[in-house]
Amino acid sequence: MHASVGDRLVVEAHTDSQRRREAEVLEVRGQDGGPPYLVRWEDGHESLAFPGPDAHVVPAQS
């Protein structure tokens, strides 16, 4: 996985009772754009994310 500041991290739902989550990448702490990422979730909460196989990155639009 590769991300840049401003990209969106999207975590897909596992079940019908869960919902898809999205966050803005604020900082890339791994080498060459890799995780972990400091992100801001839709609710404003910031956390360090180590994305799993259910996540993907949507590049920021220029």
PDB file of N, CA and C in Angstrom:
ATOM      1  N   MET A   1       0.853  -1.168   0.000  1.00  0.00           N
ATOM      2  CA  MET A   1       0.000   0.000   0.000  1.00  0.00           C
ATOM      3  C   MET A   1       0.899   1.231   0.000  1.00  0.00           C
ATOM      4  N   HIS A   2       0.496   2.225  -0.759  1.00  0.00           N
ATOM      5  CA  HIS A   2       1.238   3.471  -0.877  1.00  0.00           C
ATOM      6  C   HIS A   2       0.271   4.633  -0.755  1.00  0.00           C
ATOM      7  N   ALA A   3       0.627   5.640   0.057  1.00  0.00           N
ATOM      8  CA  ALA A   3      -0.228   6.813   0.221  1.00  0.00           C
ATOM      9  C   ALA A   3       0.629   8.063   0.319  1.00  0.00           C
ATOM     10  N   SER A   4      -0.016   9.190   0.062  1.00  0.00           N
ATOM     11  CA  SER A   4       0.593  10.503   0.207  1.00  0.00           C
ATOM     12  C   SER A   4      -0.335  11.367   1.045  1.00  0.00           C
ATOM     13  N   VAL A   5       0.215  12.421   1.619  1.00  0.00           N
ATOM     14  CA  VAL A   5      -0.597  13.354   2.398  1.00  0.00           C
ATOM     15  C   VAL A   5      -1.723  13.885   1.511  1.00  0.00           C
ATOM     16  N   GLY A   6      -2.938  13.885   2.044  1.00  0.00           N
ATOM     17  CA  GLY A   6      -4.108  14.348   1.298  1.00  0.00           C
ATOM     18  C   GLY A   6      -4.913  13.234   0.670  1.00  0.00           C
ATOM     19  N   ASP A   7      -4.338  12.040   0.529  1.00  0.00           N
ATOM     20  CA  ASP A   7      -5.081  10.894   0.003  1.00  0.00           C
ATOM     21  C   ASP A   7      -6.148  10.483   1.012  1.00  0.00           C
ATOM     22  N   ARG A   8      -7.079   9.639   0.558  1.00  0.00           N
ATOM     23  CA  ARG A   8      -8.128   9.098   1.423  1.00  0.00           C
ATOM     24  C   ARG A   8      -7.843   7.626   1.687  1.00  0.00           C
ATOM     25  N   LEU A   9      -7.932   7.233   2.953  1.00  0.00           N
ATOM     26  CA  LEU A   9      -7.838   5.835   3.336  1.00  0.00           C
ATOM     27  C   LEU A   9      -9.258   5.335   3.519  1.00  0.00           C
ATOM     28  N   VAL A  10      -9.631   4.297   2.796  1.00  0.00           N
ATOM     29  CA  VAL A  10     -10.983   3.743   2.846  1.00  0.00           C
ATOM     30  C   VAL A  10     -10.908   2.324   3.404  1.00  0.00           C
ATOM     31  N   VAL A  11     -11.675   2.085   4.464  1.00  0.00           N
ATOM     32  CA  VAL A  11     -11.752   0.758   5.077  1.00  0.00           C
ATOM     33  C   VAL A  11     -13.158   0.239   4.819  1.00  0.00           C
ATOM     34  N   GLU A  12     -13.247  -0.834   4.052  1.00  0.00           N
ATOM     35  CA  GLU A  12     -14.546  -1.408   3.691  1.00  0.00           C
ATOM     36  C   GLU A  12     -15.167  -2.139   4.876  1.00  0.00           C
ATOM     37  N   ALA A  13     -16.499  -2.195   4.899  1.00  0.00           N
ATOM     38  CA  ALA A  13     -17.236  -2.882   5.954  1.00  0.00           C
ATOM     39  C   ALA A  13     -17.090  -4.394   5.799  1.00  0.00           C
ATOM     40  N   HIS A  14     -17.040  -5.081   6.940  1.00  0.00           N
ATOM     41  CA  HIS A  14     -16.955  -6.544   6.939  1.00  0.00           C
ATOM     42  C   HIS A  14     -18.330  -7.204   6.901  1.00  0.00           C
ATOM     43  N   THR A  15     -19.313  -6.541   7.512  1.00  0.00           N
ATOM     44  CA  THR A  15     -20.654  -7.112   7.606  1.00  0.00           C
ATOM     45  C   THR A  15     -21.690  -6.032   7.293  1.00  0.00           C
ATOM     46  N   ASP A  16     -22.933  -6.446   7.186  1.00  0.00           N
ATOM     47  CA  ASP A  16     -24.023  -5.501   6.925  1.00  0.00           C
ATOM     48  C   ASP A  16     -24.244  -4.533   8.080  1.00  0.00           C
ATOM     49  N   SER A  17     -23.855  -4.934   9.290  1.00  0.00           N
ATOM     50  CA  SER A  17     -24.065  -4.069  10.453  1.00  0.00           C
ATOM     51  C   SER A  17     -22.965  -3.013  10.597  1.00  0.00           C
ATOM     52  N   GLN A  18     -21.909  -3.143   9.833  1.00  0.00           N
ATOM     53  CA  GLN A  18     -20.836  -2.151   9.858  1.00  0.00           C
ATOM     54  C   GLN A  18     -20.967  -1.239   8.650  1.00  0.00           C
ATOM     55  N   ARG A  19     -20.249  -0.130   8.693  1.00  0.00           N
ATOM     56  CA  ARG A  19     -20.265   0.774   7.554  1.00  0.00           C
ATOM     57  C   ARG A  19     -18.838   1.051   7.098  1.00  0.00           C
ATOM     58  N   ARG A  20     -18.734   1.443   5.872  1.00  0.00           N
ATOM     59  CA  ARG A  20     -17.452   1.831   5.292  1.00  0.00           C
ATOM     60  C   ARG A  20     -16.932   3.060   6.041  1.00  0.00           C
ATOM     61  N   ARG A  21     -15.628   3.107   6.314  1.00  0.00           N
ATOM     62  CA  ARG A  21     -15.024   4.243   7.002  1.00  0.00           C
ATOM     63  C   ARG A  21     -14.001   4.902   6.086  1.00  0.00           C
ATOM     64  N   GLU A  22     -13.918   6.218   6.168  1.00  0.00           N
ATOM     65  CA  GLU A  22     -12.946   6.958   5.372  1.00  0.00           C
ATOM     66  C   GLU A  22     -12.183   7.924   6.254  1.00  0.00           C
ATOM     67  N   ALA A  23     -10.919   8.144   5.889  1.00  0.00           N
ATOM     68  CA  ALA A  23     -10.071   9.071   6.628  1.00  0.00           C
ATOM     69  C   ALA A  23      -9.153   9.795   5.657  1.00  0.00           C
ATOM     70  N   GLU A  24      -8.739  10.982   6.032  1.00  0.00           N
ATOM     71  CA  GLU A  24      -7.762  11.738   5.260  1.00  0.00           C
ATOM     72  C   GLU A  24      -6.377  11.439   5.814  1.00  0.00           C
ATOM     73  N   VAL A  25      -5.426  11.160   4.930  1.00  0.00           N
ATOM     74  CA  VAL A  25      -4.046  10.910   5.352  1.00  0.00           C
ATOM     75  C   VAL A  25      -3.405  12.258   5.662  1.00  0.00           C
ATOM     76  N   LEU A  26      -2.983  12.414   6.935  1.00  0.00           N
ATOM     77  CA  LEU A  26      -2.352  13.649   7.380  1.00  0.00           C
ATOM     78  C   LEU A  26      -0.829  13.559   7.348  1.00  0.00           C
ATOM     79  N   GLU A  27      -0.329  12.352   7.567  1.00  0.00           N
ATOM     80  CA  GLU A  27       1.113  12.150   7.632  1.00  0.00           C
ATOM     81  C   GLU A  27       1.429  10.695   7.284  1.00  0.00           C
ATOM     82  N   VAL A  28       2.488  10.505   6.513  1.00  0.00           N
ATOM     83  CA  VAL A  28       2.965   9.158   6.162  1.00  0.00           C
ATOM     84  C   VAL A  28       4.211   8.894   6.996  1.00  0.00           C
ATOM     85  N   ARG A  29       4.159   7.864   7.827  1.00  0.00           N
ATOM     86  CA  ARG A  29       5.282   7.586   8.727  1.00  0.00           C
ATOM     87  C   ARG A  29       6.129   6.407   8.285  1.00  0.00           C
ATOM     88  N   GLY A  30       5.662   5.646   7.319  1.00  0.00           N
ATOM     89  CA  GLY A  30       6.425   4.520   6.811  1.00  0.00           C
ATOM     90  C   GLY A  30       7.361   4.946   5.691  1.00  0.00           C
ATOM     91  N   GLN A  31       8.215   4.032   5.284  1.00  0.00           N
ATOM     92  CA  GLN A  31       9.140   4.308   4.196  1.00  0.00           C
ATOM     93  C   GLN A  31       8.434   4.215   2.851  1.00  0.00           C
ATOM     94  N   ASP A  32       8.817   5.069   1.927  1.00  0.00           N
ATOM     95  CA  ASP A  32       8.323   5.045   0.545  1.00  0.00           C
ATOM     96  C   ASP A  32       6.803   5.070   0.448  1.00  0.00           C
ATOM     97  N   GLY A  33       6.139   5.825   1.319  1.00  0.00           N
ATOM     98  CA  GLY A  33       4.689   5.963   1.259  1.00  0.00           C
ATOM     99  C   GLY A  33       3.917   4.856   1.933  1.00  0.00           C
ATOM    100  N   GLY A  34       4.632   3.974   2.615  1.00  0.00           N
ATOM    101  CA  GLY A  34       3.968   2.855   3.286  1.00  0.00           C
ATOM    102  C   GLY A  34       3.452   3.220   4.666  1.00  0.00           C
ATOM    103  N   PRO A  35       2.627   2.359   5.240  1.00  0.00           N
ATOM    104  CA  PRO A  35       2.085   2.600   6.572  1.00  0.00           C
ATOM    105  C   PRO A  35       3.183   2.505   7.635  1.00  0.00           C
ATOM    106  N   PRO A  36       2.912   3.043   8.805  1.00  0.00           N
ATOM    107  CA  PRO A  36       1.630   3.554   9.292  1.00  0.00           C
ATOM    108  C   PRO A  36       1.359   4.970   8.798  1.00  0.00           C
ATOM    109  N   TYR A  37       0.076   5.341   8.875  1.00  0.00           N
ATOM    110  CA  TYR A  37      -0.375   6.666   8.461  1.00  0.00           C
ATOM    111  C   TYR A  37      -1.079   7.344   9.634  1.00  0.00           C
ATOM    112  N   LEU A  38      -0.810   8.627   9.820  1.00  0.00           N
ATOM    113  CA  LEU A  38      -1.599   9.421  10.743  1.00  0.00           C
ATOM    114  C   LEU A  38      -2.789   9.910   9.943  1.00  0.00           C
ATOM    115  N   VAL A  39      -4.002   9.595  10.402  1.00  0.00           N
ATOM    116  CA  VAL A  39      -5.202   9.907   9.637  1.00  0.00           C
ATOM    117  C   VAL A  39      -6.216  10.644  10.502  1.00  0.00           C
ATOM    118  N   ARG A  40      -7.116  11.378   9.829  1.00  0.00           N
ATOM    119  CA  ARG A  40      -8.267  12.013  10.483  1.00  0.00           C
ATOM    120  C   ARG A  40      -9.521  11.371   9.924  1.00  0.00           C
ATOM    121  N   TRP A  41     -10.261  10.684  10.804  1.00  0.00           N
ATOM    122  CA  TRP A  41     -11.484  10.010  10.402  1.00  0.00           C
ATOM    123  C   TRP A  41     -12.603  11.016  10.208  1.00  0.00           C
ATOM    124  N   GLU A  42     -13.684  10.565   9.609  1.00  0.00           N
ATOM    125  CA  GLU A  42     -14.828  11.428   9.300  1.00  0.00           C
ATOM    126  C   GLU A  42     -15.402  12.134  10.524  1.00  0.00           C
ATOM    127  N   ASP A  43     -15.284  11.507  11.694  1.00  0.00           N
ATOM    128  CA  ASP A  43     -15.825  12.112  12.915  1.00  0.00           C
ATOM    129  C   ASP A  43     -14.850  13.099  13.557  1.00  0.00           C
ATOM    130  N   GLY A  44     -13.681  13.326  12.926  1.00  0.00           N
ATOM    131  CA  GLY A  44     -12.698  14.274  13.440  1.00  0.00           C
ATOM    132  C   GLY A  44     -11.620  13.644  14.301  1.00  0.00           C
ATOM    133  N   HIS A  45     -11.798  12.378  14.662  1.00  0.00           N
ATOM    134  CA  HIS A  45     -10.822  11.665  15.480  1.00  0.00           C
ATOM    135  C   HIS A  45      -9.555  11.402  14.665  1.00  0.00           C
ATOM    136  N   GLU A  46      -8.389  11.614  15.262  1.00  0.00           N
ATOM    137  CA  GLU A  46      -7.126  11.317  14.599  1.00  0.00           C
ATOM    138  C   GLU A  46      -6.506  10.086  15.245  1.00  0.00           C
ATOM    139  N   SER A  47      -5.910   9.240  14.410  1.00  0.00           N
ATOM    140  CA  SER A  47      -5.256   8.050  14.936  1.00  0.00           C
ATOM    141  C   SER A  47      -4.161   7.592  13.984  1.00  0.00           C
ATOM    142  N   LEU A  48      -3.326   6.708  14.488  1.00  0.00           N
ATOM    143  CA  LEU A  48      -2.293   6.084  13.677  1.00  0.00           C
ATOM    144  C   LEU A  48      -2.897   4.819  13.082  1.00  0.00           C
ATOM    145  N   ALA A  49      -2.893   4.711  11.759  1.00  0.00           N
ATOM    146  CA  ALA A  49      -3.552   3.586  11.079  1.00  0.00           C
ATOM    147  C   ALA A  49      -2.518   2.639  10.479  1.00  0.00           C
ATOM    148  N   PHE A  50      -2.735   1.358  10.712  1.00  0.00           N
ATOM    149  CA  PHE A  50      -1.974   0.277  10.108  1.00  0.00           C
ATOM    150  C   PHE A  50      -2.973  -0.512   9.265  1.00  0.00           C
ATOM    151  N   PRO A  51      -3.257  -0.075   8.032  1.00  0.00           N
ATOM    152  CA  PRO A  51      -4.338  -0.655   7.230  1.00  0.00           C
ATOM    153  C   PRO A  51      -4.154  -2.151   6.954  1.00  0.00           C
ATOM    154  N   GLY A  52      -5.285  -2.855   6.994  1.00  0.00           N
ATOM    155  CA  GLY A  52      -5.299  -4.276   6.688  1.00  0.00           C
ATOM    156  C   GLY A  52      -5.746  -4.517   5.255  1.00  0.00           C
ATOM    157  N   PRO A  53      -6.034  -5.775   4.917  1.00  0.00           N
ATOM    158  CA  PRO A  53      -6.409  -6.136   3.553  1.00  0.00           C
ATOM    159  C   PRO A  53      -7.765  -5.598   3.112  1.00  0.00           C
ATOM    160  N   ASP A  54      -8.564  -5.112   4.057  1.00  0.00           N
ATOM    161  CA  ASP A  54      -9.879  -4.557   3.729  1.00  0.00           C
ATOM    162  C   ASP A  54      -9.814  -3.065   3.432  1.00  0.00           C
ATOM    163  N   ALA A  55      -8.599  -2.510   3.368  1.00  0.00           N
ATOM    164  CA  ALA A  55      -8.426  -1.072   3.138  1.00  0.00           C
ATOM    165  C   ALA A  55      -7.762  -0.800   1.802  1.00  0.00           C
ATOM    166  N   HIS A  56      -8.046   0.383   1.268  1.00  0.00           N
ATOM    167  CA  HIS A  56      -7.363   0.839   0.053  1.00  0.00           C
ATOM    168  C   HIS A  56      -7.237   2.359   0.094  1.00  0.00           C
ATOM    169  N   VAL A  57      -6.347   2.873  -0.738  1.00  0.00           N
ATOM    170  CA  VAL A  57      -6.079   4.305  -0.766  1.00  0.00           C
ATOM    171  C   VAL A  57      -6.689   4.901  -2.037  1.00  0.00           C
ATOM    172  N   VAL A  58      -7.362   6.028  -1.875  1.00  0.00           N
ATOM    173  CA  VAL A  58      -7.889   6.780  -3.010  1.00  0.00           C
ATOM    174  C   VAL A  58      -7.030   8.043  -3.125  1.00  0.00           C
ATOM    175  N   PRO A  59      -6.306   8.204  -4.226  1.00  0.00           N
ATOM    176  CA  PRO A  59      -5.434   9.373  -4.364  1.00  0.00           C
ATOM    177  C   PRO A  59      -6.227  10.678  -4.341  1.00  0.00           C
ATOM    178  N   ALA A  60      -5.593  11.696  -3.772  1.00  0.00           N
ATOM    179  CA  ALA A  60      -6.206  13.033  -3.751  1.00  0.00           C
ATOM    180  C   ALA A  60      -6.274  13.566  -5.176  1.00  0.00           C
ATOM    181  N   GLN A  61      -7.338  14.293  -5.447  1.00  0.00           N
ATOM    182  CA  GLN A  61      -7.477  14.897  -6.783  1.00  0.00           C
ATOM    183  C   GLN A  61      -6.702  16.197  -6.802  1.00  0.00           C
ATOM    184  N   SER A  62      -5.977  16.421  -7.875  1.00  0.00           N
ATOM    185  CA  SER A  62      -5.154  17.632  -7.994  1.00  0.00           C
ATOM    186  C   SER A  62      -5.971  18.815  -8.394  1.00  0.00           C
TER     187      SER A  62
END
